[in-house]
Protein backbone atom coordinates (compact mmCIF):
# COMPACT_ATOMS: atom_id res chain seq x y z
CA MET A 1 -3.90 41.17 6.06
CA GLY A 2 -5.38 37.96 4.62
CA ASP A 3 -4.54 34.31 4.96
CA GLN A 4 -1.22 33.75 3.26
CA GLY A 5 -1.36 29.96 3.52
CA PRO A 6 1.35 27.62 4.71
CA PRO A 7 5.06 28.47 4.54
CA ALA A 8 6.62 27.96 1.11
CA ALA A 9 8.32 24.72 2.22
CA PHE A 10 4.91 23.15 2.86
CA ARG A 11 3.03 24.38 -0.19
CA TYR A 12 1.85 21.79 -2.66
CA ARG A 13 3.52 22.15 -6.01
CA PRO A 14 2.11 20.07 -8.86
CA ILE A 15 4.60 17.73 -10.51
CA ALA A 16 4.12 19.70 -13.72
CA GLN A 17 5.67 22.74 -12.05
CA THR A 18 8.37 20.60 -10.50
CA LEU A 19 9.27 19.36 -13.96
CA GLN A 20 8.84 22.81 -15.50
CA ALA A 21 6.27 21.43 -17.93
CA ARG A 22 3.45 23.38 -19.56
CA ASN A 23 0.62 20.89 -19.09
CA ARG A 24 -1.07 20.04 -15.85
CA THR A 25 0.04 16.44 -15.52
CA GLU A 26 0.23 15.73 -11.78
CA ALA A 27 -2.70 13.27 -11.83
CA LEU A 28 -1.56 11.11 -14.72
CA GLU A 29 0.03 7.71 -14.52
CA GLN A 30 3.69 7.47 -15.48
CA VAL A 31 4.15 11.24 -15.71
CA VAL A 32 7.61 11.02 -14.13
CA ASN A 33 9.64 8.73 -16.34
CA GLU A 34 13.23 8.06 -17.32
CA ASP A 35 13.13 10.95 -19.81
CA ASN A 36 12.31 13.63 -17.22
CA ALA A 37 13.20 12.21 -13.78
CA ASP A 38 16.60 13.90 -13.84
CA ARG A 39 14.82 17.29 -14.04
CA VAL A 40 12.76 16.78 -10.87
CA GLN A 41 13.66 19.54 -8.43
CA ALA A 42 11.75 18.22 -5.42
CA SER A 43 13.38 16.45 -2.49
CA VAL A 44 10.16 14.52 -1.76
CA ILE A 45 7.45 13.25 -4.11
CA CYS A 46 4.19 12.10 -2.57
CA GLU A 47 2.35 10.11 -5.23
CA GLY A 48 -1.24 11.34 -5.08
CA ALA A 49 -2.14 9.54 -8.30
CA ASN A 50 -1.84 5.86 -9.17
CA GLY A 51 1.60 5.12 -10.55
CA PRO A 52 2.84 8.58 -11.55
CA VAL A 53 6.49 7.51 -11.21
CA THR A 54 7.71 4.72 -13.49
CA PRO A 55 10.13 2.06 -12.21
CA ALA A 56 12.92 3.53 -14.35
CA ALA A 57 12.25 7.00 -12.91
CA ASP A 58 12.18 5.51 -9.42
CA ALA A 59 15.77 4.38 -9.88
CA VAL A 60 16.87 7.82 -11.14
CA LEU A 61 15.11 9.58 -8.26
CA GLU A 62 16.60 7.18 -5.73
CA ASP A 63 20.09 7.92 -7.10
CA LYS A 64 19.35 11.66 -6.79
CA GLY A 65 18.27 11.21 -3.18
CA VAL A 66 14.63 12.12 -3.86
CA LEU A 67 12.29 10.44 -1.38
CA VAL A 68 9.27 8.97 -3.18
CA LEU A 69 6.28 8.20 -0.99
CA PRO A 70 4.58 5.52 -3.11
CA ASP A 71 0.96 5.68 -4.14
CA VAL A 72 0.08 2.55 -2.16
CA LEU A 73 1.14 4.37 1.00
CA ALA A 74 0.05 7.91 0.09
CA ASN A 75 -3.45 6.82 -1.00
CA ALA A 76 -4.04 4.34 1.82
CA GLY A 77 -6.15 6.77 3.82
CA GLY A 78 -9.01 6.69 1.31
CA VAL A 79 -9.08 2.91 1.33
CA VAL A 80 -9.01 2.80 5.13
CA VAL A 81 -11.88 5.27 5.45
CA SER A 82 -13.91 3.27 2.91
CA TYR A 83 -13.36 0.23 5.12
CA PHE A 84 -14.48 2.24 8.16
CA GLU A 85 -17.67 3.20 6.30
CA TRP A 86 -18.34 -0.44 5.44
CA VAL A 87 -17.82 -1.54 9.07
CA GLN A 88 -20.09 1.23 10.36
CA GLY A 89 -22.77 0.25 7.86
CA LEU A 90 -22.64 -3.38 8.99
CA GLN A 91 -22.91 -2.38 12.63
CA GLU A 92 -25.48 0.34 11.96
CA TYR A 93 -23.44 2.40 14.40
CA PHE A 94 -21.74 5.47 13.03
CA TRP A 95 -18.65 7.10 14.46
CA LYS A 96 -18.08 10.78 14.96
CA GLU A 97 -15.64 12.50 12.62
CA ASP A 98 -13.01 12.87 15.33
CA GLU A 99 -13.18 9.11 16.00
CA VAL A 100 -12.70 8.35 12.30
CA ASN A 101 -9.78 10.78 12.11
CA ALA A 102 -8.14 9.31 15.22
CA LYS A 103 -8.47 5.73 13.96
CA LEU A 104 -7.26 6.76 10.50
CA SER A 105 -4.29 8.64 11.94
CA ASP A 106 -3.24 5.62 14.01
CA ILE A 107 -3.35 3.30 10.99
CA VAL A 108 -1.69 5.65 8.50
CA LEU A 109 1.07 6.66 10.91
CA ARG A 110 1.76 3.02 11.80
CA ALA A 111 1.90 2.11 8.09
CA PHE A 112 4.32 4.95 7.40
CA GLU A 113 6.53 4.09 10.39
CA GLU A 114 6.63 0.39 9.47
CA THR A 115 7.48 1.24 5.87
CA TRP A 116 10.15 3.74 6.90
CA SER A 117 11.67 1.22 9.31
CA THR A 118 11.72 -1.46 6.60
CA ARG A 119 13.28 1.03 4.17
CA GLU A 120 16.07 1.74 6.62
CA ARG A 121 16.55 -1.88 7.66
CA TYR A 122 16.97 -3.14 4.10
CA ALA A 123 18.45 0.05 2.60
CA THR A 124 15.80 0.17 -0.10
CA SER A 125 13.20 2.56 -1.47
CA MET A 126 9.90 3.34 0.23
CA ARG A 127 8.08 1.63 -2.65
CA THR A 128 10.06 -1.59 -2.30
CA ALA A 129 9.63 -1.48 1.47
CA ALA A 130 5.85 -0.97 1.14
CA TYR A 131 5.51 -3.79 -1.39
CA GLY A 132 7.74 -6.05 0.70
CA LEU A 133 5.59 -5.48 3.78
CA ALA A 134 2.44 -6.12 1.77
CA VAL A 135 3.76 -9.41 0.37
CA GLN A 136 4.95 -10.44 3.83
CA ARG A 137 1.49 -9.80 5.30
CA VAL A 138 -0.26 -11.74 2.55
CA ALA A 139 2.12 -14.66 3.11
CA GLU A 140 1.50 -14.57 6.87
CA ASP A 141 -2.26 -14.48 6.34
CA ALA A 142 -2.05 -17.35 3.87
CA LYS A 143 -0.21 -19.42 6.48
CA ARG A 144 -2.88 -18.68 9.06
CA ALA A 145 -5.63 -19.51 6.61
CA LEU A 146 -4.33 -22.91 5.56
CA TYR A 147 -7.18 -25.34 5.64
CA VAL A 148 -7.29 -29.07 5.55
CA VAL A 149 -10.23 -31.13 4.54
CA ASN A 150 -12.06 -32.90 7.31
CA ALA A 151 -14.37 -35.50 5.77
CA GLU A 152 -15.97 -36.64 9.03
CA VAL A 153 -19.56 -37.82 9.10
CA GLY A 154 -19.89 -37.79 5.32
CA ARG A 155 -19.73 -34.02 5.01
CA LEU A 156 -16.99 -31.73 3.89
CA ALA A 157 -15.88 -29.24 6.52
CA LEU A 158 -12.96 -26.84 6.31
CA THR A 159 -10.94 -26.50 9.47
CA PRO A 160 -7.82 -24.45 10.16
CA GLY A 161 -4.71 -26.55 10.20
CA ARG A 162 -1.35 -27.33 8.75
CA PRO A 163 -0.45 -28.98 5.47
CA VAL A 164 -1.05 -32.72 5.51
CA GLY A 165 1.41 -35.30 4.20
CA GLY A 166 3.97 -32.77 3.06
CA ASN A 167 1.54 -31.27 0.51
CA PRO A 168 2.17 -27.49 0.55
CA PHE A 169 -1.47 -26.78 -0.30
CA GLY A 170 -2.80 -28.68 2.70
CA TYR A 171 -4.80 -31.28 0.78
CA PRO A 172 -4.81 -34.85 2.12
CA ARG A 173 -3.34 -37.43 -0.25
CA GLY A 174 -5.79 -38.38 -2.96
CA PHE A 175 -8.03 -35.37 -2.32
CA ARG A 176 -7.41 -33.61 -5.62
CA GLU A 177 -7.85 -36.75 -7.67
CA GLY A 178 -11.40 -37.17 -6.39
CA TRP A 179 -12.54 -33.71 -7.44
CA GLY A 180 -13.08 -32.72 -11.03
């Protein structure tokens, strides 16, 4: 009586098997494309590689009702843990594994829930929802990071602020002309 592993519904099945292909192709980019997307038998694809599903295949899978968890969401955990390692190195204070896992779980679950909510709100794919959230966050950060030039006391200092004189880049009038 040995370990039989998880129930069949939870077993990982490489995309090659899902497509009934001969080669092991689950880690390649663009392996699911418009030529084979209609043969995918899975109800969910979690992209463990970078870009295994092409945009054309995305559309076919969406029409079939296949949920694609995009690589930017599925691979986020590795990026987050790399960030944690960097922070710990800077602080010279290292967290226990259960702390790392708890922090990672909070971030990854929040990212998934926000993406799922955006998907439902806009009736779009998980990929489009994830990209939309990413662009929105970059735009919000760019707004917060707008700087105007403060040329007080003969030195150049950057201070947070709003665009000056209607210039969307935040430069005072004449600023750009004076810099080569």
